[in-house]
Amino acid sequence: MKNINYFNYFFVGFPLFFCLLATFNIGFISIAMLALIPTGIFQVIIGIKMLVDEPQDKNLKIYVVSVFLFFISLVVISKLELYNFLNYILFGVPPILAFYLSILIYKKAHK
């Protein structure tokens, strides 16, 4: 679990590093945005894997259901063309989910 924790630090820190570099050169912001894709993929896969390993963990169930609801709402909002709602409300959900899973991974790594 400690290795997963270190990988999580890397995947979360990688986009943040490029965001910091973007203060000097705005071109790095696009690299930071692209780096968010593997971060999200890593966190979703790890979250599902952890839930498969510990199916009774309530916090992991909350995480996986929240991710599922986020993607369902993303599709529904796109179909209904409610892009303002998407920009203002759902924009903050992925960082909250990433932070939540990071806390869960940290707690399990330091048991």
Protein backbone atom coordinates (compact mmCIF):
# COMPACT_ATOMS: atom_id res chain seq x y z
CA MET A 1 0.00 0.00 0.00
CA LYS A 2 2.94 2.32 0.60
CA ASN A 3 4.00 1.94 -3.03
CA ILE A 4 0.50 2.93 -4.15
CA ASN A 5 0.75 5.92 -1.84
CA TYR A 6 4.04 6.98 -3.47
CA PHE A 7 2.59 6.50 -6.96
CA ASN A 8 -0.37 8.62 -5.90
CA TYR A 9 2.01 11.37 -4.74
CA PHE A 10 3.67 11.25 -8.15
CA PHE A 11 0.44 11.31 -10.16
CA VAL A 12 -1.05 14.13 -8.10
CA GLY A 13 2.19 16.10 -7.92
CA PHE A 14 3.00 15.86 -11.62
CA PRO A 15 0.21 18.23 -12.81
CA LEU A 16 0.83 20.52 -9.83
CA PHE A 17 4.50 20.78 -10.80
CA PHE A 18 3.58 21.91 -14.30
CA CYS A 19 1.05 24.38 -12.91
CA LEU A 20 3.85 25.93 -10.90
CA LEU A 21 6.03 26.06 -14.00
CA ALA A 22 3.17 27.79 -15.82
CA THR A 23 3.72 30.83 -13.62
CA PHE A 24 6.97 31.33 -15.57
CA ASN A 25 5.81 30.12 -18.99
CA ILE A 26 2.11 29.81 -19.76
CA GLY A 27 2.79 26.95 -22.19
CA PHE A 28 3.20 24.55 -19.28
CA ILE A 29 -0.49 24.84 -18.39
CA SER A 30 -1.41 22.65 -21.36
CA ILE A 31 1.06 20.00 -20.18
CA ALA A 32 -0.49 20.21 -16.71
CA MET A 33 -3.96 19.71 -18.16
CA LEU A 34 -2.79 16.71 -20.17
CA ALA A 35 -1.11 15.28 -17.06
CA LEU A 36 -4.50 15.25 -15.34
CA ILE A 37 -5.68 12.46 -17.64
CA PRO A 38 -3.29 9.75 -16.36
CA THR A 39 -3.86 11.03 -12.82
CA GLY A 40 -7.59 10.46 -13.14
CA ILE A 41 -7.17 7.09 -14.80
CA PHE A 42 -4.73 5.98 -12.08
CA GLN A 43 -7.03 7.10 -9.28
CA VAL A 44 -10.15 5.48 -10.72
CA ILE A 45 -8.33 2.17 -11.31
CA ILE A 46 -6.74 2.20 -7.85
CA GLY A 47 -10.06 3.10 -6.21
CA ILE A 48 -11.85 0.22 -7.93
CA LYS A 49 -8.98 -2.17 -7.15
CA MET A 50 -9.05 -1.18 -3.48
CA LEU A 51 -12.82 -1.70 -3.39
CA VAL A 52 -12.44 -5.17 -4.94
CA ASP A 53 -9.83 -6.02 -2.29
CA GLU A 54 -11.95 -4.60 0.56
CA PRO A 55 -15.61 -4.69 -0.52
CA GLN A 56 -16.91 -3.88 2.96
CA ASP A 57 -15.06 -0.53 3.23
CA LYS A 58 -17.71 2.19 3.38
CA ASN A 59 -15.34 5.00 2.36
CA LEU A 60 -14.25 3.20 -0.80
CA LYS A 61 -17.88 2.55 -1.68
CA ILE A 62 -18.58 6.27 -1.29
CA TYR A 63 -15.64 7.06 -3.59
CA VAL A 64 -16.62 4.62 -6.35
CA VAL A 65 -20.29 5.65 -6.25
CA SER A 66 -19.27 9.32 -6.37
CA VAL A 67 -17.06 8.71 -9.41
CA PHE A 68 -19.87 6.79 -11.10
CA LEU A 69 -22.38 9.59 -10.36
CA PHE A 70 -19.93 12.19 -11.64
CA PHE A 71 -19.57 10.45 -14.99
CA ILE A 72 -23.30 9.82 -15.27
CA SER A 73 -24.05 13.48 -14.52
CA LEU A 74 -21.37 14.51 -17.02
CA VAL A 75 -23.07 12.53 -19.77
CA VAL A 76 -26.55 13.75 -18.83
CA ILE A 77 -25.46 17.40 -18.67
CA SER A 78 -23.73 17.08 -22.03
CA LYS A 79 -26.84 15.55 -23.61
CA LEU A 80 -29.04 18.30 -22.16
CA GLU A 81 -26.48 20.95 -23.19
CA LEU A 82 -26.39 22.54 -19.73
CA TYR A 83 -22.79 23.68 -20.14
CA ASN A 84 -23.01 26.50 -17.58
CA PHE A 85 -23.94 23.96 -14.90
CA LEU A 86 -21.04 21.82 -16.05
CA ASN A 87 -18.59 24.71 -15.78
CA TYR A 88 -19.68 26.00 -12.40
CA ILE A 89 -20.72 22.93 -10.45
CA LEU A 90 -19.01 19.84 -11.83
CA PHE A 91 -15.67 21.57 -12.43
CA GLY A 92 -14.72 21.20 -8.77
CA VAL A 93 -15.80 17.59 -8.32
CA PRO A 94 -12.69 15.80 -9.73
CA PRO A 95 -10.23 17.60 -7.41
CA ILE A 96 -12.47 16.79 -4.44
CA LEU A 97 -12.59 13.11 -5.47
CA ALA A 98 -8.81 13.05 -5.99
CA PHE A 99 -8.26 14.59 -2.56
CA TYR A 100 -10.70 12.12 -0.95
CA LEU A 101 -9.01 9.08 -2.49
CA SER A 102 -5.58 10.47 -1.60
CA ILE A 103 -6.65 10.67 2.04
CA LEU A 104 -7.98 7.09 1.92
CA ILE A 105 -4.75 5.81 0.38
CA TYR A 106 -2.66 7.70 2.92
CA LYS A 107 -4.66 6.30 5.84
CA LYS A 108 -4.38 2.74 4.55
CA ALA A 109 -0.64 3.11 3.88
CA HIS A 110 0.05 4.37 7.39
CA LYS A 111 -1.99 1.82 9.38
